[in-house]
Amino acid sequence: MTHLSVLDQSPVRSGAAPADAIRETLALARRCDELGYTRYWLAEHHSTPALAGSAPEVLIGQVAAVTSGIRVGSGGVMLQHYSALKVAENFRVLETLYPGRIDLGIGRAPGSDQLTARALGGSGAPEFFPQQVQDLVAFLHGELPAEHPFAKVRAMPTGPSAPPLWLLGSSDQSAALAAHFGLAFSFAHFINADGGAEITRAYAREFKPSPWLATPQASAAVFVVCAESHAEAERLAQSRDLFIARLYTGRGGRYPTVAEAQAHEYTPWERQIVEQARGRRVAGTPDECRERLEGLARDYGVDEIVVVTITETAETRRRSYELLAEAFDLPRRSR
């Protein structure tokens, strides 16, 4: 059985305000909890006009408060901007408030442009990332080695459980780190589909059991638009075409409407960008989406797909998640 989860980037649409995006996140989380999705992850992006989710550690608590059964976590915290201790304490607080429901996903990417990354502070250097991961694990579990300079420091509040740690990535480097430290791994297929299945399967082969995870656990994150007809799904997906074309050519702005995408005159370079992006997304009817997603799950050797969906309205986005839940026969939760 393929489990479905959600990655919410809190999109800010054309003509809307960032506050609308945050309210939509809470409403969508409540609905996905009812629909039977396994996890609801909040993304981290900074100084990005189309994406309002800059503080997953704050949104997680709000989402967990308005849901009851779904796991809630970060997809993910960009660790290079922060101290390992502070991230561990943020998530130990969340685990204390919502024991057994919190996930801590971390990433290597800046989640921003380089200027914004400098403004955020932190190490900023990828060569420090493995040590940060090691320190984060130790702080979460209160197991810093005696020779560590911060061996006497405790991440508070202490308690009987800690959030499971996921490494998120779109390359073999994150997968190798996850396997080495005995952590769960999620591959960002929606960012880079090249070699994702091979990388994720290599993670499972190279995985070293740890005290917090005995066997490999992996998922793949995929951009999906599901609608009652194939034509409607393809129509709705045109918004992403323009968003990706703008993003990859250094232009910002809110998430565009279908009408804006249809009116846009794409350059040859933009069309090439769009065609490549279409190769890593799924758009279609419920049956078509289920077939494609189950095929990807088999290719990746995973039993969980994390669904990223953005459409031009909150209603069509919510309906996409509803249709997917029906297609996969997810077990409904009573509230």
C-alpha atoms as a PDB file:
ATOM      1  CA  MET A   1       0.000   0.000   0.000  1.00  0.00           C
ATOM      2  CA  THR A   2       1.264   3.452  -0.925  1.00  0.00           C
ATOM      3  CA  HIS A   3       0.841   6.046   1.805  1.00  0.00           C
ATOM      4  CA  LEU A   4       0.226   9.673   0.887  1.00  0.00           C
ATOM      5  CA  SER A   5       1.531  12.742   2.700  1.00  0.00           C
ATOM      6  CA  VAL A   6       1.501  16.490   2.022  1.00  0.00           C
ATOM      7  CA  LEU A   7       4.222  19.094   1.526  1.00  0.00           C
ATOM      8  CA  ASP A   8       2.737  22.593   1.820  1.00  0.00           C
ATOM      9  CA  GLN A   9       4.783  25.522   0.518  1.00  0.00           C
ATOM     10  CA  SER A  10       2.070  28.035   1.577  1.00  0.00           C
ATOM     11  CA  PRO A  11       1.642  29.590  -1.891  1.00  0.00           C
ATOM     12  CA  VAL A  12       0.796  33.259  -2.339  1.00  0.00           C
ATOM     13  CA  ARG A  13      -1.334  33.594  -5.452  1.00  0.00           C
ATOM     14  CA  SER A  14      -1.647  36.451  -7.898  1.00  0.00           C
ATOM     15  CA  GLY A  15      -3.971  39.061  -6.365  1.00  0.00           C
ATOM     16  CA  ALA A  16      -3.804  37.539  -2.873  1.00  0.00           C
ATOM     17  CA  ALA A  17      -1.886  38.369   0.310  1.00  0.00           C
ATOM     18  CA  PRO A  18       0.621  36.258   2.282  1.00  0.00           C
ATOM     19  CA  ALA A  19      -1.850  36.149   5.185  1.00  0.00           C
ATOM     20  CA  ASP A  20      -4.294  34.376   2.868  1.00  0.00           C
ATOM     21  CA  ALA A  21      -1.654  31.711   2.239  1.00  0.00           C
ATOM     22  CA  ILE A  22      -1.170  31.062   5.951  1.00  0.00           C
ATOM     23  CA  ARG A  23      -4.925  30.783   6.519  1.00  0.00           C
ATOM     24  CA  GLU A  24      -5.153  28.379   3.600  1.00  0.00           C
ATOM     25  CA  THR A  25      -2.404  26.239   5.103  1.00  0.00           C
ATOM     26  CA  LEU A  26      -4.417  25.769   8.294  1.00  0.00           C
ATOM     27  CA  ALA A  27      -7.635  25.001   6.407  1.00  0.00           C
ATOM     28  CA  LEU A  28      -5.927  22.550   4.050  1.00  0.00           C
ATOM     29  CA  ALA A  29      -4.209  20.797   6.960  1.00  0.00           C
ATOM     30  CA  ARG A  30      -7.549  20.242   8.682  1.00  0.00           C
ATOM     31  CA  ARG A  31      -9.000  18.771   5.491  1.00  0.00           C
ATOM     32  CA  CYS A  32      -6.011  16.511   4.808  1.00  0.00           C
ATOM     33  CA  ASP A  33      -6.191  15.261   8.391  1.00  0.00           C
ATOM     34  CA  GLU A  34      -9.807  14.225   7.772  1.00  0.00           C
ATOM     35  CA  LEU A  35      -8.891  12.660   4.423  1.00  0.00           C
ATOM     36  CA  GLY A  36      -6.366  10.278   5.971  1.00  0.00           C
ATOM     37  CA  TYR A  37      -3.026  11.655   4.784  1.00  0.00           C
ATOM     38  CA  THR A  38      -0.060  10.387   6.828  1.00  0.00           C
ATOM     39  CA  ARG A  39       1.977  13.586   7.277  1.00  0.00           C
ATOM     40  CA  TYR A  40       1.629  17.302   6.748  1.00  0.00           C
ATOM     41  CA  TRP A  41       4.990  18.968   6.213  1.00  0.00           C
ATOM     42  CA  LEU A  42       5.636  22.735   6.087  1.00  0.00           C
ATOM     43  CA  ALA A  43       8.331  24.111   3.802  1.00  0.00           C
ATOM     44  CA  GLU A  44      10.881  26.856   4.473  1.00  0.00           C
ATOM     45  CA  HIS A  45      11.453  29.619   1.929  1.00  0.00           C
ATOM     46  CA  HIS A  46      12.724  33.155   2.516  1.00  0.00           C
ATOM     47  CA  SER A  47      12.216  36.423   0.609  1.00  0.00           C
ATOM     48  CA  THR A  48      10.160  34.536  -1.984  1.00  0.00           C
ATOM     49  CA  PRO A  49       7.013  36.483  -3.002  1.00  0.00           C
ATOM     50  CA  ALA A  50       5.130  33.361  -4.141  1.00  0.00           C
ATOM     51  CA  LEU A  51       5.750  31.288  -0.995  1.00  0.00           C
ATOM     52  CA  ALA A  52       4.794  32.508   2.495  1.00  0.00           C
ATOM     53  CA  GLY A  53       6.144  29.630   4.589  1.00  0.00           C
ATOM     54  CA  SER A  54       9.275  31.122   6.125  1.00  0.00           C
ATOM     55  CA  ALA A  55       9.023  29.585   9.623  1.00  0.00           C
ATOM     56  CA  PRO A  56       7.958  25.923   9.645  1.00  0.00           C
ATOM     57  CA  GLU A  57       8.812  25.641  13.339  1.00  0.00           C
ATOM     58  CA  VAL A  58       6.033  28.168  14.028  1.00  0.00           C
ATOM     59  CA  LEU A  59       3.486  26.795  11.563  1.00  0.00           C
ATOM     60  CA  ILE A  60       3.937  23.220  12.799  1.00  0.00           C
ATOM     61  CA  GLY A  61       2.536  24.117  16.207  1.00  0.00           C
ATOM     62  CA  GLN A  62      -0.443  25.880  14.639  1.00  0.00           C
ATOM     63  CA  VAL A  63      -1.172  22.992  12.253  1.00  0.00           C
ATOM     64  CA  ALA A  64      -0.819  20.398  15.000  1.00  0.00           C
ATOM     65  CA  ALA A  65      -3.246  22.410  17.141  1.00  0.00           C
ATOM     66  CA  VAL A  66      -6.021  22.313  14.512  1.00  0.00           C
ATOM     67  CA  THR A  67      -5.530  18.649  13.558  1.00  0.00           C
ATOM     68  CA  SER A  68      -5.755  15.444  15.533  1.00  0.00           C
ATOM     69  CA  GLY A  69      -4.245  12.396  13.843  1.00  0.00           C
ATOM     70  CA  ILE A  70      -1.956  13.478  11.035  1.00  0.00           C
ATOM     71  CA  ARG A  71       1.776  13.762  11.751  1.00  0.00           C
ATOM     72  CA  VAL A  72       3.079  17.330  11.361  1.00  0.00           C
ATOM     73  CA  GLY A  73       6.608  18.342  10.516  1.00  0.00           C
ATOM     74  CA  SER A  74       9.080  20.410   8.548  1.00  0.00           C
ATOM     75  CA  GLY A  75       9.841  19.830   4.931  1.00  0.00           C
ATOM     76  CA  GLY A  76      12.230  21.113   5.916  1.00  0.00           C
ATOM     77  CA  VAL A  77      14.255  23.317   8.240  1.00  0.00           C
ATOM     78  CA  MET A  78      17.265  24.664   6.329  1.00  0.00           C
ATOM     79  CA  LEU A  79      19.826  23.746   8.947  1.00  0.00           C
ATOM     80  CA  GLN A  80      22.691  25.893   7.640  1.00  0.00           C
ATOM     81  CA  HIS A  81      20.910  29.038   8.886  1.00  0.00           C
ATOM     82  CA  TYR A  82      20.630  27.907  12.508  1.00  0.00           C
ATOM     83  CA  SER A  83      22.443  26.348  15.409  1.00  0.00           C
ATOM     84  CA  ALA A  84      21.810  22.647  15.913  1.00  0.00           C
ATOM     85  CA  LEU A  85      20.934  23.315  19.562  1.00  0.00           C
ATOM     86  CA  LYS A  86      18.227  25.858  18.741  1.00  0.00           C
ATOM     87  CA  VAL A  87      16.612  23.573  16.156  1.00  0.00           C
ATOM     88  CA  ALA A  88      16.689  20.689  18.637  1.00  0.00           C
ATOM     89  CA  GLU A  89      15.036  22.855  21.306  1.00  0.00           C
ATOM     90  CA  ASN A  90      12.345  24.111  18.921  1.00  0.00           C
ATOM     91  CA  PHE A  91      11.386  20.568  18.057  1.00  0.00           C
ATOM     92  CA  ARG A  92      11.685  19.230  21.579  1.00  0.00           C
ATOM     93  CA  VAL A  93       9.108  21.859  22.569  1.00  0.00           C
ATOM     94  CA  LEU A  94       6.841  20.734  19.724  1.00  0.00           C
ATOM     95  CA  GLU A  95       7.306  17.082  20.689  1.00  0.00           C
ATOM     96  CA  THR A  96       6.375  17.928  24.279  1.00  0.00           C
ATOM     97  CA  LEU A  97       3.212  19.680  23.118  1.00  0.00           C
ATOM     98  CA  TYR A  98       2.235  16.998  20.576  1.00  0.00           C
ATOM     99  CA  PRO A  99       4.051  13.784  21.544  1.00  0.00           C
ATOM    100  CA  GLY A 100       4.343  11.216  18.805  1.00  0.00           C
ATOM    101  CA  ARG A 101       3.043  13.517  16.053  1.00  0.00           C
ATOM    102  CA  ILE A 102       6.066  15.677  15.144  1.00  0.00           C
ATOM    103  CA  ASP A 103       8.613  15.101  12.354  1.00  0.00           C
ATOM    104  CA  LEU A 104      11.843  17.062  11.937  1.00  0.00           C
ATOM    105  CA  GLY A 105      12.892  17.262   8.300  1.00  0.00           C
ATOM    106  CA  ILE A 106      16.099  19.141   7.510  1.00  0.00           C
ATOM    107  CA  GLY A 107      17.709  20.252   4.265  1.00  0.00           C
ATOM    108  CA  ARG A 108      21.026  21.520   2.910  1.00  0.00           C
ATOM    109  CA  ALA A 109      19.646  24.100   0.466  1.00  0.00           C
ATOM    110  CA  PRO A 110      19.445  27.776   1.490  1.00  0.00           C
ATOM    111  CA  GLY A 111      15.735  28.064   0.659  1.00  0.00           C
ATOM    112  CA  SER A 112      16.506  31.554  -0.618  1.00  0.00           C
ATOM    113  CA  ASP A 113      18.901  33.586  -2.745  1.00  0.00           C
ATOM    114  CA  GLN A 114      22.447  34.082  -1.524  1.00  0.00           C
ATOM    115  CA  LEU A 115      21.856  37.625  -0.274  1.00  0.00           C
ATOM    116  CA  THR A 116      18.941  36.458   1.872  1.00  0.00           C
ATOM    117  CA  ALA A 117      21.013  33.526   3.085  1.00  0.00           C
ATOM    118  CA  ARG A 118      23.668  35.940   4.328  1.00  0.00           C
ATOM    119  CA  ALA A 119      21.013  38.024   6.068  1.00  0.00           C
ATOM    120  CA  LEU A 120      19.741  34.909   7.842  1.00  0.00           C
ATOM    121  CA  GLY A 121      23.199  34.172   9.222  1.00  0.00           C
ATOM    122  CA  GLY A 122      24.275  30.711  10.326  1.00  0.00           C
ATOM    123  CA  SER A 123      27.264  28.792   8.980  1.00  0.00           C
ATOM    124  CA  GLY A 124      26.228  29.081   5.338  1.00  0.00           C
ATOM    125  CA  ALA A 125      28.979  26.623   4.388  1.00  0.00           C
ATOM    126  CA  PRO A 126      27.945  23.188   3.085  1.00  0.00           C
ATOM    127  CA  GLU A 127      31.108  21.566   4.460  1.00  0.00           C
ATOM    128  CA  PHE A 128      29.779  22.135   7.994  1.00  0.00           C
ATOM    129  CA  PHE A 129      26.461  20.408   7.281  1.00  0.00           C
ATOM    130  CA  PRO A 130      27.490  16.841   8.259  1.00  0.00           C
ATOM    131  CA  GLN A 131      28.740  18.067  11.654  1.00  0.00           C
ATOM    132  CA  GLN A 132      25.545  20.062  12.136  1.00  0.00           C
ATOM    133  CA  VAL A 133      23.488  16.934  11.449  1.00  0.00           C
ATOM    134  CA  GLN A 134      25.568  14.919  13.900  1.00  0.00           C
ATOM    135  CA  ASP A 135      25.193  17.610  16.569  1.00  0.00           C
ATOM    136  CA  LEU A 136      21.449  17.891  15.951  1.00  0.00           C
ATOM    137  CA  VAL A 137      20.962  14.157  16.433  1.00  0.00           C
ATOM    138  CA  ALA A 138      23.002  14.272  19.635  1.00  0.00           C
ATOM    139  CA  PHE A 139      21.110  17.263  21.049  1.00  0.00           C
ATOM    140  CA  LEU A 140      17.740  15.711  20.210  1.00  0.00           C
ATOM    141  CA  HIS A 141      18.600  12.514  22.053  1.00  0.00           C
ATOM    142  CA  GLY A 142      20.815  13.969  24.806  1.00  0.00           C
ATOM    143  CA  GLU A 143      23.797  11.920  23.665  1.00  0.00           C
ATOM    144  CA  LEU A 144      26.642  14.343  23.052  1.00  0.00           C
ATOM    145  CA  PRO A 145      29.998  12.558  23.476  1.00  0.00           C
ATOM    146  CA  ALA A 146      32.035  13.459  26.546  1.00  0.00           C
ATOM    147  CA  GLU A 147      34.758  15.082  24.430  1.00  0.00           C
ATOM    148  CA  HIS A 148      32.305  17.387  22.636  1.00  0.00           C
ATOM    149  CA  PRO A 149      32.816  21.074  23.578  1.00  0.00           C
ATOM    150  CA  PHE A 150      29.081  21.337  24.418  1.00  0.00           C
ATOM    151  CA  ALA A 151      28.814  17.995  26.191  1.00  0.00           C
ATOM    152  CA  LYS A 152      27.231  19.598  29.282  1.00  0.00           C
ATOM    153  CA  VAL A 153      24.539  21.414  27.272  1.00  0.00           C
ATOM    154  CA  ARG A 154      21.038  19.931  27.224  1.00  0.00           C
ATOM    155  CA  ALA A 155      18.337  20.678  24.659  1.00  0.00           C
ATOM    156  CA  MET A 156      15.263  21.567  26.699  1.00  0.00           C
ATOM    157  CA  PRO A 157      12.680  20.433  27.459  1.00  0.00           C
ATOM    158  CA  THR A 158      13.980  16.919  27.940  1.00  0.00           C
ATOM    159  CA  GLY A 159      11.490  14.087  27.721  1.00  0.00           C
ATOM    160  CA  PRO A 160      10.930  10.420  26.912  1.00  0.00           C
ATOM    161  CA  SER A 161      10.624  10.870  23.136  1.00  0.00           C
ATOM    162  CA  ALA A 162      12.190  12.871  20.325  1.00  0.00           C
ATOM    163  CA  PRO A 163      10.885  13.681  16.837  1.00  0.00           C
ATOM    164  CA  PRO A 164      12.151  11.374  14.095  1.00  0.00           C
ATOM    165  CA  LEU A 165      14.745  13.095  11.939  1.00  0.00           C
ATOM    166  CA  TRP A 166      14.411  13.101   8.143  1.00  0.00           C
ATOM    167  CA  LEU A 167      17.074  14.267   5.730  1.00  0.00           C
ATOM    168  CA  LEU A 168      15.554  15.901   2.646  1.00  0.00           C
ATOM    169  CA  GLY A 169      17.388  16.299  -0.611  1.00  0.00           C
ATOM    170  CA  SER A 170      17.577  16.106  -4.375  1.00  0.00           C
ATOM    171  CA  SER A 171      21.078  14.659  -4.648  1.00  0.00           C
ATOM    172  CA  ASP A 172      23.136  11.665  -3.587  1.00  0.00           C
ATOM    173  CA  GLN A 173      24.935  13.697  -0.895  1.00  0.00           C
ATOM    174  CA  SER A 174      21.897  14.012   1.371  1.00  0.00           C
ATOM    175  CA  ALA A 175      21.029  10.368   0.778  1.00  0.00           C
ATOM    176  CA  ALA A 176      24.537   9.267   1.749  1.00  0.00           C
ATOM    177  CA  LEU A 177      24.414  11.324   4.949  1.00  0.00           C
ATOM    178  CA  ALA A 178      21.017   9.882   5.874  1.00  0.00           C
ATOM    179  CA  ALA A 179      22.299   6.345   5.327  1.00  0.00           C
ATOM    180  CA  HIS A 180      25.475   7.040   7.319  1.00  0.00           C
ATOM    181  CA  PHE A 181      23.683   8.492  10.349  1.00  0.00           C
ATOM    182  CA  GLY A 182      20.784   6.024  10.269  1.00  0.00           C
ATOM    183  CA  LEU A 183      18.131   8.658   9.449  1.00  0.00           C
ATOM    184  CA  ALA A 184      15.017   8.646   7.276  1.00  0.00           C
ATOM    185  CA  PHE A 185      15.333  10.162   3.779  1.00  0.00           C
ATOM    186  CA  SER A 186      12.937  11.934   1.412  1.00  0.00           C
ATOM    187  CA  PHE A 187      13.925  12.638  -2.191  1.00  0.00           C
ATOM    188  CA  ALA A 188      12.605  15.828  -3.825  1.00  0.00           C
ATOM    189  CA  HIS A 189      11.466  14.405  -7.164  1.00  0.00           C
ATOM    190  CA  PHE A 190       9.567  17.657  -7.806  1.00  0.00           C
ATOM    191  CA  ILE A 191      12.886  19.518  -7.842  1.00  0.00           C
ATOM    192  CA  ASN A 192      15.106  16.984  -9.604  1.00  0.00           C
ATOM    193  CA  ALA A 193      13.883  13.709 -11.080  1.00  0.00           C
ATOM    194  CA  ASP A 194      17.246  12.710 -12.536  1.00  0.00           C
ATOM    195  CA  GLY A 195      18.570   9.623 -10.806  1.00  0.00           C
ATOM    196  CA  GLY A 196      16.175   9.931  -7.884  1.00  0.00           C
ATOM    197  CA  ALA A 197      15.146   6.292  -7.884  1.00  0.00           C
ATOM    198  CA  GLU A 198      18.756   5.074  -8.004  1.00  0.00           C
ATOM    199  CA  ILE A 199      19.782   7.487  -5.240  1.00  0.00           C
ATOM    200  CA  THR A 200      16.927   6.431  -2.963  1.00  0.00           C
ATOM    201  CA  ARG A 201      17.588   2.734  -3.532  1.00  0.00           C
ATOM    202  CA  ALA A 202      21.300   3.305  -2.819  1.00  0.00           C
ATOM    203  CA  TYR A 203      20.275   4.971   0.463  1.00  0.00           C
ATOM    204  CA  ALA A 204      18.377   1.814   1.435  1.00  0.00           C
ATOM    205  CA  ARG A 205      21.326  -0.431   0.532  1.00  0.00           C
ATOM    206  CA  GLU A 206      23.888   1.657   2.416  1.00  0.00           C
ATOM    207  CA  PHE A 207      21.700   2.391   5.450  1.00  0.00           C
ATOM    208  CA  LYS A 208      23.375   1.836   8.825  1.00  0.00           C
ATOM    209  CA  PRO A 209      20.890   1.012  11.613  1.00  0.00           C
ATOM    210  CA  SER A 210      20.843   3.534  14.446  1.00  0.00           C
ATOM    211  CA  PRO A 211      19.306   3.545  17.934  1.00  0.00           C
ATOM    212  CA  TRP A 212      16.460   5.707  16.587  1.00  0.00           C
ATOM    213  CA  LEU A 213      15.850   3.910  13.261  1.00  0.00           C
ATOM    214  CA  ALA A 214      16.464   0.199  12.786  1.00  0.00           C
ATOM    215  CA  THR A 215      15.609  -0.047   9.078  1.00  0.00           C
ATOM    216  CA  PRO A 216      15.684   2.442   6.191  1.00  0.00           C
ATOM    217  CA  GLN A 217      12.643   4.684   5.761  1.00  0.00           C
ATOM    218  CA  ALA A 218      12.241   6.721   2.590  1.00  0.00           C
ATOM    219  CA  SER A 219       9.715   8.679   0.571  1.00  0.00           C
ATOM    220  CA  ALA A 220       9.584  10.681  -2.650  1.00  0.00           C
ATOM    221  CA  ALA A 221       8.047  14.166  -2.958  1.00  0.00           C
ATOM    222  CA  VAL A 222       6.162  14.716  -6.224  1.00  0.00           C
ATOM    223  CA  PHE A 223       4.262  17.684  -7.685  1.00  0.00           C
ATOM    224  CA  VAL A 224       0.715  16.536  -8.506  1.00  0.00           C
ATOM    225  CA  VAL A 225      -2.391  18.129  -9.999  1.00  0.00           C
ATOM    226  CA  CYS A 226      -5.451  15.870  -9.888  1.00  0.00           C
ATOM    227  CA  ALA A 227      -8.823  16.802 -11.409  1.00  0.00           C
ATOM    228  CA  GLU A 228     -12.009  15.132 -12.647  1.00  0.00           C
ATOM    229  CA  SER A 229     -10.724  15.202 -16.241  1.00  0.00           C
ATOM    230  CA  HIS A 230      -7.279  14.987 -17.773  1.00  0.00           C
ATOM    231  CA  ALA A 231      -7.892  18.218 -19.683  1.00  0.00           C
ATOM    232  CA  GLU A 232      -8.771  20.095 -16.485  1.00  0.00           C
ATOM    233  CA  ALA A 233      -5.669  18.796 -14.699  1.00  0.00           C
ATOM    234  CA  GLU A 234      -3.463  19.898 -17.588  1.00  0.00           C
ATOM    235  CA  ARG A 235      -5.186  23.277 -17.655  1.00  0.00           C
ATOM    236  CA  LEU A 236      -4.606  23.842 -13.944  1.00  0.00           C
ATOM    237  CA  ALA A 237      -0.972  22.732 -14.249  1.00  0.00           C
ATOM    238  CA  GLN A 238      -0.261  25.618 -16.638  1.00  0.00           C
ATOM    239  CA  SER A 239       0.087  27.947 -13.632  1.00  0.00           C
ATOM    240  CA  ARG A 240       3.131  25.971 -12.556  1.00  0.00           C
ATOM    241  CA  ASP A 241       4.604  26.217 -16.057  1.00  0.00           C
ATOM    242  CA  LEU A 242       4.793  29.999 -15.790  1.00  0.00           C
ATOM    243  CA  PHE A 243       5.869  29.932 -12.143  1.00  0.00           C
ATOM    244  CA  ILE A 244       8.797  27.619 -12.961  1.00  0.00           C
ATOM    245  CA  ALA A 245       9.764  29.655 -16.047  1.00  0.00           C
ATOM    246  CA  ARG A 246       9.897  32.801 -13.944  1.00  0.00           C
ATOM    247  CA  LEU A 247      11.704  31.113 -11.063  1.00  0.00           C
ATOM    248  CA  TYR A 248      14.436  29.624 -13.236  1.00  0.00           C
ATOM    249  CA  THR A 249      15.043  32.907 -15.059  1.00  0.00           C
ATOM    250  CA  GLY A 250      15.438  34.940 -11.885  1.00  0.00           C
ATOM    251  CA  ARG A 251      12.044  36.639 -11.806  1.00  0.00           C
ATOM    252  CA  GLY A 252       9.829  36.650  -8.760  1.00  0.00           C
ATOM    253  CA  GLY A 253       6.177  37.457  -8.317  1.00  0.00           C
ATOM    254  CA  ARG A 254       3.106  35.730  -6.951  1.00  0.00           C
ATOM    255  CA  TYR A 255       1.920  32.321  -8.104  1.00  0.00           C
ATOM    256  CA  PRO A 256       0.250  33.010 -11.475  1.00  0.00           C
ATOM    257  CA  THR A 257      -3.255  32.213 -12.651  1.00  0.00           C
ATOM    258  CA  VAL A 258      -3.987  29.949 -15.602  1.00  0.00           C
ATOM    259  CA  ALA A 259      -5.068  33.000 -17.593  1.00  0.00           C
ATOM    260  CA  GLU A 260      -1.701  34.666 -16.943  1.00  0.00           C
ATOM    261  CA  ALA A 261       0.089  31.511 -18.034  1.00  0.00           C
ATOM    262  CA  GLN A 262      -1.994  31.213 -21.210  1.00  0.00           C
ATOM    263  CA  ALA A 263      -1.365  34.846 -22.101  1.00  0.00           C
ATOM    264  CA  HIS A 264       2.392  34.631 -21.553  1.00  0.00           C
ATOM    265  CA  GLU A 265       4.607  34.478 -24.643  1.00  0.00           C
ATOM    266  CA  TYR A 266       7.267  31.907 -23.726  1.00  0.00           C
ATOM    267  CA  THR A 267      10.765  32.344 -25.100  1.00  0.00           C
ATOM    268  CA  PRO A 268      12.519  29.244 -26.518  1.00  0.00           C
ATOM    269  CA  TRP A 269      14.597  29.044 -23.320  1.00  0.00           C
ATOM    270  CA  GLU A 270      11.476  29.258 -21.145  1.00  0.00           C
ATOM    271  CA  ARG A 271       9.778  26.544 -23.182  1.00  0.00           C
ATOM    272  CA  GLN A 272      12.771  24.271 -22.612  1.00  0.00           C
ATOM    273  CA  ILE A 273      12.547  24.941 -18.872  1.00  0.00           C
ATOM    274  CA  VAL A 274       8.821  24.162 -18.888  1.00  0.00           C
ATOM    275  CA  GLU A 275       9.246  20.904 -20.806  1.00  0.00           C
ATOM    276  CA  GLN A 276      11.893  19.697 -18.361  1.00  0.00           C
ATOM    277  CA  ALA A 277       9.677  20.626 -15.397  1.00  0.00           C
ATOM    278  CA  ARG A 278       6.690  18.803 -16.861  1.00  0.00           C
ATOM    279  CA  GLY A 279       8.742  15.616 -16.864  1.00  0.00           C
ATOM    280  CA  ARG A 280       8.867  15.612 -13.079  1.00  0.00           C
ATOM    281  CA  ARG A 281       5.214  16.352 -12.306  1.00  0.00           C
ATOM    282  CA  VAL A 282       2.027  14.298 -12.441  1.00  0.00           C
ATOM    283  CA  ALA A 283      -1.217  15.741 -13.829  1.00  0.00           C
ATOM    284  CA  GLY A 284      -4.369  13.821 -14.648  1.00  0.00           C
ATOM    285  CA  THR A 285      -7.502  12.109 -13.444  1.00  0.00           C
ATOM    286  CA  PRO A 286      -7.589  10.242 -10.104  1.00  0.00           C
ATOM    287  CA  ASP A 287      -6.940   6.902 -11.823  1.00  0.00           C
ATOM    288  CA  GLU A 288      -4.128   8.353 -13.930  1.00  0.00           C
ATOM    289  CA  CYS A 289      -2.493   9.979 -10.925  1.00  0.00           C
ATOM    290  CA  ARG A 290      -2.727   6.825  -8.854  1.00  0.00           C
ATOM    291  CA  GLU A 291      -1.135   4.777 -11.632  1.00  0.00           C
ATOM    292  CA  ARG A 292       1.712   7.259 -12.071  1.00  0.00           C
ATOM    293  CA  LEU A 293       2.356   7.663  -8.341  1.00  0.00           C
ATOM    294  CA  GLU A 294       2.301   3.945  -7.651  1.00  0.00           C
ATOM    295  CA  GLY A 295       4.730   3.508 -10.520  1.00  0.00           C
ATOM    296  CA  LEU A 296       7.051   6.110  -9.013  1.00  0.00           C
ATOM    297  CA  ALA A 297       6.768   4.443  -5.602  1.00  0.00           C
ATOM    298  CA  ARG A 298       7.857   1.140  -7.178  1.00  0.00           C
ATOM    299  CA  ASP A 299      10.730   2.811  -9.026  1.00  0.00           C
ATOM    300  CA  TYR A 300      11.949   4.493  -5.852  1.00  0.00           C
ATOM    301  CA  GLY A 301      11.368   1.434  -3.676  1.00  0.00           C
ATOM    302  CA  VAL A 302       9.264   3.468  -1.223  1.00  0.00           C
ATOM    303  CA  ASP A 303       5.811   3.076   0.270  1.00  0.00           C
ATOM    304  CA  GLU A 304       5.157   6.799   0.754  1.00  0.00           C
ATOM    305  CA  ILE A 305       4.633   9.653  -1.692  1.00  0.00           C
ATOM    306  CA  VAL A 306       4.693  13.240  -0.396  1.00  0.00           C
ATOM    307  CA  VAL A 307       2.342  15.279  -2.579  1.00  0.00           C
ATOM    308  CA  VAL A 308       3.091  18.898  -3.488  1.00  0.00           C
ATOM    309  CA  THR A 309       0.098  20.619  -5.103  1.00  0.00           C
ATOM    310  CA  ILE A 310      -0.418  24.266  -6.006  1.00  0.00           C
ATOM    311  CA  THR A 311      -3.193  25.458  -8.301  1.00  0.00           C
ATOM    312  CA  GLU A 312      -4.694  28.855  -9.063  1.00  0.00           C
ATOM    313  CA  THR A 313      -7.363  28.638  -6.325  1.00  0.00           C
ATOM    314  CA  ALA A 314      -7.610  27.159  -2.853  1.00  0.00           C
ATOM    315  CA  GLU A 315     -10.694  25.246  -3.976  1.00  0.00           C
ATOM    316  CA  THR A 316      -9.049  23.436  -6.910  1.00  0.00           C
ATOM    317  CA  ARG A 317      -6.012  22.700  -4.751  1.00  0.00           C
ATOM    318  CA  ARG A 318      -8.142  21.191  -1.986  1.00  0.00           C
ATOM    319  CA  ARG A 319     -10.155  19.219  -4.556  1.00  0.00           C
ATOM    320  CA  SER A 320      -6.943  17.738  -5.967  1.00  0.00           C
ATOM    321  CA  TYR A 321      -6.046  16.353  -2.536  1.00  0.00           C
ATOM    322  CA  GLU A 322      -9.607  15.060  -2.068  1.00  0.00           C
ATOM    323  CA  LEU A 323      -9.590  13.210  -5.382  1.00  0.00           C
ATOM    324  CA  LEU A 324      -6.207  11.652  -4.633  1.00  0.00           C
ATOM    325  CA  ALA A 325      -7.401  10.476  -1.210  1.00  0.00           C
ATOM    326  CA  GLU A 326     -10.415   8.843  -2.846  1.00  0.00           C
ATOM    327  CA  ALA A 327      -8.282   7.213  -5.552  1.00  0.00           C
ATOM    328  CA  PHE A 328      -5.939   5.705  -2.956  1.00  0.00           C
ATOM    329  CA  ASP A 329      -8.829   4.809  -0.629  1.00  0.00           C
ATOM    330  CA  LEU A 330      -7.164   6.538   2.313  1.00  0.00           C
ATOM    331  CA  PRO A 331      -8.757   5.712   5.702  1.00  0.00           C
ATOM    332  CA  ARG A 332     -10.808   8.715   6.842  1.00  0.00           C
ATOM    333  CA  ARG A 333     -10.272  10.171  10.313  1.00  0.00           C
ATOM    334  CA  SER A 334     -13.211  11.268  12.455  1.00  0.00           C
ATOM    335  CA  ARG A 335     -12.862  14.599  14.236  1.00  0.00           C
END
